[in-house]
Amino acid sequence: MLNDQDPSTVLATITASPGRRILGIGSLWILSLMVIYVAIVQPPELGWQLFLFVLGGGSIWIAELMRRATAVTLELTREELRDSMGVVLARIDEVTGLDRGMFAFKPSNGFLLRLDNKKPRAWRPGLWWSLGSRIGVGGMTPAHEAKFMAEIIANLLAERGID
């Protein structure tokens, strides 16, 4: 079991991988610029041209959301999983299960937390999402950091008698 009993001690952290951030955000920017370029240089019908501008603008917006979201670090303490801005994703006493298997509906290189109550929907592209009573952590995160955090959460759940 875990030796450190101080509830405010950070037990594990997850940060987005710089390479994955560059690749993911860069891909969205390239997509945006290509779509907007096509809409300007070879304009199709007006309806399709507007669609291309909206698609390009939406891609830029999602790239900016991803840039902001992946600049944050996730921190696990004995009491909660939170980000470095202070947003609490879940309290550990709310967690009823942990899925990290190959066929679990989870983000890439991550894990899924099942909670005993519903949380508001939230999405931080490339880092985490919340939908109902489930929170998915992962995406642009290194697999070893997510696996380490999942192991610690599993130990915290085992201390409470939850498999």
C-alpha atoms as a PDB file:
ATOM      1  CA  MET A   1       0.000   0.000   0.000  1.00  0.00           C
ATOM      2  CA  LEU A   2       1.017   3.623  -0.193  1.00  0.00           C
ATOM      3  CA  ASN A   3       3.305   4.940   2.526  1.00  0.00           C
ATOM      4  CA  ASP A   4       2.584   8.666   2.338  1.00  0.00           C
ATOM      5  CA  GLN A   5      -0.586   9.451   4.330  1.00  0.00           C
ATOM      6  CA  ASP A   6      -0.569  13.251   3.782  1.00  0.00           C
ATOM      7  CA  PRO A   7      -3.705  13.975   1.693  1.00  0.00           C
ATOM      8  CA  SER A   8      -2.164  16.986  -0.072  1.00  0.00           C
ATOM      9  CA  THR A   9       0.958  15.199  -1.345  1.00  0.00           C
ATOM     10  CA  VAL A  10       0.999  14.746  -5.107  1.00  0.00           C
ATOM     11  CA  LEU A  11       1.422  11.022  -5.746  1.00  0.00           C
ATOM     12  CA  ALA A  12       1.568  11.087  -9.553  1.00  0.00           C
ATOM     13  CA  THR A  13       1.386  13.553 -12.411  1.00  0.00           C
ATOM     14  CA  ILE A  14       0.539  13.328 -16.094  1.00  0.00           C
ATOM     15  CA  THR A  15       1.680  15.896 -18.636  1.00  0.00           C
ATOM     16  CA  ALA A  16       1.076  15.882 -22.361  1.00  0.00           C
ATOM     17  CA  SER A  17       4.013  14.676 -24.412  1.00  0.00           C
ATOM     18  CA  PRO A  18       5.658  17.582 -26.297  1.00  0.00           C
ATOM     19  CA  GLY A  19       5.965  15.533 -29.478  1.00  0.00           C
ATOM     20  CA  ARG A  20       2.322  14.522 -29.439  1.00  0.00           C
ATOM     21  CA  ARG A  21       1.299  18.123 -28.729  1.00  0.00           C
ATOM     22  CA  ILE A  22       3.251  19.371 -31.741  1.00  0.00           C
ATOM     23  CA  LEU A  23       1.891  16.611 -33.978  1.00  0.00           C
ATOM     24  CA  GLY A  24      -1.737  16.940 -32.865  1.00  0.00           C
ATOM     25  CA  ILE A  25      -1.976  20.724 -32.812  1.00  0.00           C
ATOM     26  CA  GLY A  26       0.122  21.042 -35.965  1.00  0.00           C
ATOM     27  CA  SER A  27      -2.107  18.561 -37.818  1.00  0.00           C
ATOM     28  CA  LEU A  28      -5.197  20.551 -36.915  1.00  0.00           C
ATOM     29  CA  TRP A  29      -3.575  23.809 -38.037  1.00  0.00           C
ATOM     30  CA  ILE A  30      -2.499  22.244 -41.358  1.00  0.00           C
ATOM     31  CA  LEU A  31      -6.018  20.891 -41.888  1.00  0.00           C
ATOM     32  CA  SER A  32      -7.493  24.328 -41.157  1.00  0.00           C
ATOM     33  CA  LEU A  33      -5.166  26.146 -43.488  1.00  0.00           C
ATOM     34  CA  MET A  34      -5.682  23.625 -46.299  1.00  0.00           C
ATOM     35  CA  VAL A  35      -9.471  23.795 -46.040  1.00  0.00           C
ATOM     36  CA  ILE A  36      -9.510  27.600 -45.939  1.00  0.00           C
ATOM     37  CA  TYR A  37      -7.011  27.709 -48.834  1.00  0.00           C
ATOM     38  CA  VAL A  38      -9.274  25.507 -50.952  1.00  0.00           C
ATOM     39  CA  ALA A  39     -12.273  27.687 -50.086  1.00  0.00           C
ATOM     40  CA  ILE A  40     -10.406  30.797 -51.282  1.00  0.00           C
ATOM     41  CA  VAL A  41      -8.386  29.544 -54.271  1.00  0.00           C
ATOM     42  CA  GLN A  42     -10.882  27.117 -55.814  1.00  0.00           C
ATOM     43  CA  PRO A  43     -14.223  28.325 -54.489  1.00  0.00           C
ATOM     44  CA  PRO A  44     -17.021  25.811 -54.938  1.00  0.00           C
ATOM     45  CA  GLU A  45     -20.689  26.789 -54.737  1.00  0.00           C
ATOM     46  CA  LEU A  46     -21.443  29.376 -52.062  1.00  0.00           C
ATOM     47  CA  GLY A  47     -22.932  26.812 -49.661  1.00  0.00           C
ATOM     48  CA  TRP A  48     -19.867  24.559 -49.895  1.00  0.00           C
ATOM     49  CA  GLN A  49     -17.547  27.538 -49.610  1.00  0.00           C
ATOM     50  CA  LEU A  50     -19.257  28.608 -46.369  1.00  0.00           C
ATOM     51  CA  PHE A  51     -19.023  25.012 -45.129  1.00  0.00           C
ATOM     52  CA  LEU A  52     -15.272  24.976 -45.824  1.00  0.00           C
ATOM     53  CA  PHE A  53     -14.773  28.276 -43.974  1.00  0.00           C
ATOM     54  CA  VAL A  54     -16.756  26.967 -40.978  1.00  0.00           C
ATOM     55  CA  LEU A  55     -14.786  23.696 -41.031  1.00  0.00           C
ATOM     56  CA  GLY A  56     -11.474  25.571 -41.194  1.00  0.00           C
ATOM     57  CA  GLY A  57     -12.480  27.944 -38.399  1.00  0.00           C
ATOM     58  CA  GLY A  58     -13.733  25.053 -36.272  1.00  0.00           C
ATOM     59  CA  SER A  59     -10.417  23.239 -36.721  1.00  0.00           C
ATOM     60  CA  ILE A  60      -8.522  26.333 -35.604  1.00  0.00           C
ATOM     61  CA  TRP A  61     -10.804  26.618 -32.569  1.00  0.00           C
ATOM     62  CA  ILE A  62     -10.267  22.961 -31.593  1.00  0.00           C
ATOM     63  CA  ALA A  63      -6.495  23.339 -32.091  1.00  0.00           C
ATOM     64  CA  GLU A  64      -6.512  26.267 -29.664  1.00  0.00           C
ATOM     65  CA  LEU A  65      -8.612  24.303 -27.153  1.00  0.00           C
ATOM     66  CA  MET A  66      -6.127  21.439 -27.449  1.00  0.00           C
ATOM     67  CA  ARG A  67      -3.151  23.760 -26.999  1.00  0.00           C
ATOM     68  CA  ARG A  68      -4.631  25.202 -23.806  1.00  0.00           C
ATOM     69  CA  ALA A  69      -5.784  21.846 -22.432  1.00  0.00           C
ATOM     70  CA  THR A  70      -2.491  20.051 -22.967  1.00  0.00           C
ATOM     71  CA  ALA A  71      -0.497  22.836 -21.315  1.00  0.00           C
ATOM     72  CA  VAL A  72      -2.003  21.714 -17.994  1.00  0.00           C
ATOM     73  CA  THR A  73      -0.727  18.886 -15.786  1.00  0.00           C
ATOM     74  CA  LEU A  74      -2.954  16.332 -14.063  1.00  0.00           C
ATOM     75  CA  GLU A  75      -2.121  15.673 -10.407  1.00  0.00           C
ATOM     76  CA  LEU A  76      -3.224  12.780  -8.219  1.00  0.00           C
ATOM     77  CA  THR A  77      -3.368  13.087  -4.429  1.00  0.00           C
ATOM     78  CA  ARG A  78      -4.865  10.705  -1.901  1.00  0.00           C
ATOM     79  CA  GLU A  79      -8.069  12.753  -1.990  1.00  0.00           C
ATOM     80  CA  GLU A  80      -8.553  13.835  -5.604  1.00  0.00           C
ATOM     81  CA  LEU A  81      -7.521  13.878  -9.227  1.00  0.00           C
ATOM     82  CA  ARG A  82      -7.156  17.491 -10.333  1.00  0.00           C
ATOM     83  CA  ASP A  83      -5.387  19.591 -12.906  1.00  0.00           C
ATOM     84  CA  SER A  84      -2.673  22.126 -12.163  1.00  0.00           C
ATOM     85  CA  MET A  85      -5.228  24.959 -12.521  1.00  0.00           C
ATOM     86  CA  GLY A  86      -7.178  23.570  -9.554  1.00  0.00           C
ATOM     87  CA  VAL A  87     -10.069  21.946 -11.456  1.00  0.00           C
ATOM     88  CA  VAL A  88     -11.055  18.745  -9.627  1.00  0.00           C
ATOM     89  CA  LEU A  89     -11.847  15.946 -12.059  1.00  0.00           C
ATOM     90  CA  ALA A  90     -12.877  13.465  -9.363  1.00  0.00           C
ATOM     91  CA  ARG A  91     -12.511  12.855  -5.659  1.00  0.00           C
ATOM     92  CA  ILE A  92     -11.001   9.455  -4.903  1.00  0.00           C
ATOM     93  CA  ASP A  93     -13.897   8.537  -2.608  1.00  0.00           C
ATOM     94  CA  GLU A  94     -16.268   8.950  -5.613  1.00  0.00           C
ATOM     95  CA  VAL A  95     -14.369   6.418  -7.739  1.00  0.00           C
ATOM     96  CA  THR A  96     -16.053   3.017  -7.941  1.00  0.00           C
ATOM     97  CA  GLY A  97     -13.930   1.450 -10.646  1.00  0.00           C
ATOM     98  CA  LEU A  98     -10.964   1.748 -12.975  1.00  0.00           C
ATOM     99  CA  ASP A  99     -10.825   0.445 -16.547  1.00  0.00           C
ATOM    100  CA  ARG A 100      -7.506   0.310 -18.351  1.00  0.00           C
ATOM    101  CA  GLY A 101      -7.890  -2.742 -20.527  1.00  0.00           C
ATOM    102  CA  MET A 102      -7.379  -2.902 -24.268  1.00  0.00           C
ATOM    103  CA  PHE A 103     -11.119  -2.958 -25.027  1.00  0.00           C
ATOM    104  CA  ALA A 104     -12.197  -0.335 -22.473  1.00  0.00           C
ATOM    105  CA  PHE A 105     -13.822   2.804 -23.879  1.00  0.00           C
ATOM    106  CA  LYS A 106     -10.923   5.034 -22.865  1.00  0.00           C
ATOM    107  CA  PRO A 107      -8.597   7.578 -24.440  1.00  0.00           C
ATOM    108  CA  SER A 108      -5.393   6.425 -26.079  1.00  0.00           C
ATOM    109  CA  ASN A 109      -2.581   5.748 -23.573  1.00  0.00           C
ATOM    110  CA  GLY A 110      -4.982   6.298 -20.706  1.00  0.00           C
ATOM    111  CA  PHE A 111      -7.614   4.888 -18.400  1.00  0.00           C
ATOM    112  CA  LEU A 112     -11.270   5.278 -17.493  1.00  0.00           C
ATOM    113  CA  LEU A 113     -12.625   6.091 -14.047  1.00  0.00           C
ATOM    114  CA  ARG A 114     -16.147   5.021 -13.086  1.00  0.00           C
ATOM    115  CA  LEU A 115     -17.767   7.256 -10.473  1.00  0.00           C
ATOM    116  CA  ASP A 116     -20.714   6.795  -8.137  1.00  0.00           C
ATOM    117  CA  ASN A 117     -22.353  10.045  -9.299  1.00  0.00           C
ATOM    118  CA  LYS A 118     -22.625  12.005 -12.519  1.00  0.00           C
ATOM    119  CA  LYS A 119     -20.311  14.884 -13.325  1.00  0.00           C
ATOM    120  CA  PRO A 120     -20.979  17.729 -15.738  1.00  0.00           C
ATOM    121  CA  ARG A 121     -19.849  17.050 -19.289  1.00  0.00           C
ATOM    122  CA  ALA A 122     -16.398  18.428 -19.980  1.00  0.00           C
ATOM    123  CA  TRP A 123     -13.732  17.921 -22.602  1.00  0.00           C
ATOM    124  CA  ARG A 124     -10.084  18.920 -22.556  1.00  0.00           C
ATOM    125  CA  PRO A 125      -8.891  17.670 -25.964  1.00  0.00           C
ATOM    126  CA  GLY A 126      -5.852  15.450 -25.679  1.00  0.00           C
ATOM    127  CA  LEU A 127      -5.931  15.228 -21.874  1.00  0.00           C
ATOM    128  CA  TRP A 128      -9.286  14.173 -20.389  1.00  0.00           C
ATOM    129  CA  TRP A 129     -13.051  14.084 -20.832  1.00  0.00           C
ATOM    130  CA  SER A 130     -16.042  13.653 -18.551  1.00  0.00           C
ATOM    131  CA  LEU A 131     -19.315  12.126 -19.668  1.00  0.00           C
ATOM    132  CA  GLY A 132     -21.930  11.130 -17.117  1.00  0.00           C
ATOM    133  CA  SER A 133     -20.375   9.024 -14.411  1.00  0.00           C
ATOM    134  CA  ARG A 134     -17.196   8.291 -16.385  1.00  0.00           C
ATOM    135  CA  ILE A 135     -13.962  10.210 -16.749  1.00  0.00           C
ATOM    136  CA  GLY A 136     -11.450   9.293 -19.420  1.00  0.00           C
ATOM    137  CA  VAL A 137      -7.843  10.332 -18.880  1.00  0.00           C
ATOM    138  CA  GLY A 138      -5.266  10.143 -21.658  1.00  0.00           C
ATOM    139  CA  GLY A 139      -4.778  11.049 -25.279  1.00  0.00           C
ATOM    140  CA  MET A 140      -1.570  12.999 -25.745  1.00  0.00           C
ATOM    141  CA  THR A 141      -0.170  11.576 -22.528  1.00  0.00           C
ATOM    142  CA  PRO A 142       2.803   9.211 -22.288  1.00  0.00           C
ATOM    143  CA  ALA A 143       1.637   5.658 -21.602  1.00  0.00           C
ATOM    144  CA  HIS A 144       4.056   5.139 -18.692  1.00  0.00           C
ATOM    145  CA  GLU A 145       2.745   8.189 -16.771  1.00  0.00           C
ATOM    146  CA  ALA A 146      -0.891   7.153 -17.245  1.00  0.00           C
ATOM    147  CA  LYS A 147      -0.110   3.552 -16.302  1.00  0.00           C
ATOM    148  CA  PHE A 148       1.694   4.692 -13.148  1.00  0.00           C
ATOM    149  CA  MET A 149      -1.224   6.917 -12.135  1.00  0.00           C
ATOM    150  CA  ALA A 150      -3.701   4.115 -12.835  1.00  0.00           C
ATOM    151  CA  GLU A 151      -1.660   1.757 -10.634  1.00  0.00           C
ATOM    152  CA  ILE A 152      -1.737   4.234  -7.759  1.00  0.00           C
ATOM    153  CA  ILE A 153      -5.492   4.731  -8.175  1.00  0.00           C
ATOM    154  CA  ALA A 154      -5.896   0.932  -8.158  1.00  0.00           C
ATOM    155  CA  ASN A 155      -3.932   0.812  -4.892  1.00  0.00           C
ATOM    156  CA  LEU A 156      -6.078   3.577  -3.387  1.00  0.00           C
ATOM    157  CA  LEU A 157      -9.210   1.662  -4.419  1.00  0.00           C
ATOM    158  CA  ALA A 158      -7.787  -1.572  -2.975  1.00  0.00           C
ATOM    159  CA  GLU A 159      -7.267   0.212   0.350  1.00  0.00           C
ATOM    160  CA  ARG A 160     -11.011   0.952   0.302  1.00  0.00           C
ATOM    161  CA  GLY A 161     -11.821  -2.648  -0.634  1.00  0.00           C
ATOM    162  CA  ILE A 162     -12.824  -1.954  -4.251  1.00  0.00           C
ATOM    163  CA  ASP A 163     -11.505  -4.206  -7.033  1.00  0.00           C
END
